[in-house]
Amino acid sequence: MATDRTDRNKLRRANLRTALVLASVAVVFFVGILAARFVGDGQSGITVLGGAVLLFLIVAIGRNLRK
């Protein structure tokens, strides 16, 4: 009974982390698009998006390597 509850809690935390990562990716893309429109230069928006994707990849790979 107790292991069922802890397994459910672990799954819920993992799902919450995944949802937060996906939501933060969406926010970064949205902000990057707005920044590109505000600046008027497509290069700056691509730079922001590329940097964000690279940062998320580094964090995701780093988390998996720690485990």
C-alpha atoms as a PDB file:
ATOM      1  CA  MET A   1       0.000   0.000   0.000  1.00  0.00           C
ATOM      2  CA  ALA A   2       2.738   2.460   0.935  1.00  0.00           C
ATOM      3  CA  THR A   3       4.819   1.580  -2.118  1.00  0.00           C
ATOM      4  CA  ASP A   4       1.819   2.263  -4.361  1.00  0.00           C
ATOM      5  CA  ARG A   5       1.526   5.730  -2.901  1.00  0.00           C
ATOM      6  CA  THR A   6       5.250   6.484  -3.248  1.00  0.00           C
ATOM      7  CA  ASP A   7       5.266   5.172  -6.830  1.00  0.00           C
ATOM      8  CA  ARG A   8       2.309   7.403  -7.656  1.00  0.00           C
ATOM      9  CA  ASN A   9       4.039  10.385  -6.051  1.00  0.00           C
ATOM     10  CA  LYS A  10       7.244   9.738  -8.017  1.00  0.00           C
ATOM     11  CA  LEU A  11       5.286   9.453 -11.262  1.00  0.00           C
ATOM     12  CA  ARG A  12       3.378  12.634 -10.473  1.00  0.00           C
ATOM     13  CA  ARG A  13       6.605  14.555  -9.789  1.00  0.00           C
ATOM     14  CA  ALA A  14       8.172  13.259 -13.007  1.00  0.00           C
ATOM     15  CA  ASN A  15       5.085  14.283 -14.973  1.00  0.00           C
ATOM     16  CA  LEU A  16       5.137  17.715 -13.358  1.00  0.00           C
ATOM     17  CA  ARG A  17       8.821  18.205 -14.233  1.00  0.00           C
ATOM     18  CA  THR A  18       8.140  17.202 -17.832  1.00  0.00           C
ATOM     19  CA  ALA A  19       5.190  19.583 -18.038  1.00  0.00           C
ATOM     20  CA  LEU A  20       7.284  22.445 -16.647  1.00  0.00           C
ATOM     21  CA  VAL A  21      10.081  21.809 -19.141  1.00  0.00           C
ATOM     22  CA  LEU A  22       7.653  21.712 -22.055  1.00  0.00           C
ATOM     23  CA  ALA A  23       5.891  24.852 -20.850  1.00  0.00           C
ATOM     24  CA  SER A  24       9.196  26.685 -20.476  1.00  0.00           C
ATOM     25  CA  VAL A  25      10.183  25.667 -24.023  1.00  0.00           C
ATOM     26  CA  ALA A  26       6.901  27.083 -25.313  1.00  0.00           C
ATOM     27  CA  VAL A  27       7.416  30.323 -23.380  1.00  0.00           C
ATOM     28  CA  VAL A  28      10.954  30.734 -24.702  1.00  0.00           C
ATOM     29  CA  PHE A  29       9.804  30.203 -28.287  1.00  0.00           C
ATOM     30  CA  PHE A  30       6.995  32.708 -27.798  1.00  0.00           C
ATOM     31  CA  VAL A  31       9.317  35.307 -26.282  1.00  0.00           C
ATOM     32  CA  GLY A  32      11.852  34.714 -29.052  1.00  0.00           C
ATOM     33  CA  ILE A  33       9.231  35.331 -31.712  1.00  0.00           C
ATOM     34  CA  LEU A  34       8.042  38.493 -29.955  1.00  0.00           C
ATOM     35  CA  ALA A  35      11.640  39.718 -29.624  1.00  0.00           C
ATOM     36  CA  ALA A  36      12.245  39.114 -33.322  1.00  0.00           C
ATOM     37  CA  ARG A  37       9.113  41.064 -34.232  1.00  0.00           C
ATOM     38  CA  PHE A  38      10.015  43.886 -31.830  1.00  0.00           C
ATOM     39  CA  VAL A  39      13.594  44.204 -33.034  1.00  0.00           C
ATOM     40  CA  GLY A  40      12.583  43.718 -36.640  1.00  0.00           C
ATOM     41  CA  ASP A  41      15.484  41.392 -37.318  1.00  0.00           C
ATOM     42  CA  GLY A  42      14.908  37.688 -37.904  1.00  0.00           C
ATOM     43  CA  GLN A  43      18.493  36.880 -36.969  1.00  0.00           C
ATOM     44  CA  SER A  44      18.012  37.913 -33.333  1.00  0.00           C
ATOM     45  CA  GLY A  45      14.936  35.720 -32.939  1.00  0.00           C
ATOM     46  CA  ILE A  46      16.724  32.711 -34.401  1.00  0.00           C
ATOM     47  CA  THR A  47      19.666  33.375 -32.073  1.00  0.00           C
ATOM     48  CA  VAL A  48      17.410  33.451 -29.011  1.00  0.00           C
ATOM     49  CA  LEU A  49      15.607  30.269 -30.058  1.00  0.00           C
ATOM     50  CA  GLY A  50      18.827  28.449 -30.900  1.00  0.00           C
ATOM     51  CA  GLY A  51      20.378  29.395 -27.580  1.00  0.00           C
ATOM     52  CA  ALA A  52      17.295  28.269 -25.684  1.00  0.00           C
ATOM     53  CA  VAL A  53      17.193  24.921 -27.469  1.00  0.00           C
ATOM     54  CA  LEU A  54      20.899  24.398 -26.780  1.00  0.00           C
ATOM     55  CA  LEU A  55      20.433  25.249 -23.098  1.00  0.00           C
ATOM     56  CA  PHE A  56      17.497  22.844 -22.747  1.00  0.00           C
ATOM     57  CA  LEU A  57      19.487  20.071 -24.429  1.00  0.00           C
ATOM     58  CA  ILE A  58      22.436  20.623 -22.101  1.00  0.00           C
ATOM     59  CA  VAL A  59      20.175  20.536 -19.039  1.00  0.00           C
ATOM     60  CA  ALA A  60      18.318  17.419 -20.224  1.00  0.00           C
ATOM     61  CA  ILE A  61      21.488  15.526 -21.097  1.00  0.00           C
ATOM     62  CA  GLY A  62      23.132  16.605 -17.846  1.00  0.00           C
ATOM     63  CA  ARG A  63      20.197  15.349 -15.788  1.00  0.00           C
ATOM     64  CA  ASN A  64      20.313  11.976 -17.507  1.00  0.00           C
ATOM     65  CA  LEU A  65      24.062  11.658 -17.037  1.00  0.00           C
ATOM     66  CA  ARG A  66      23.735  12.315 -13.300  1.00  0.00           C
ATOM     67  CA  LYS A  67      21.299   9.444 -12.934  1.00  0.00           C
END
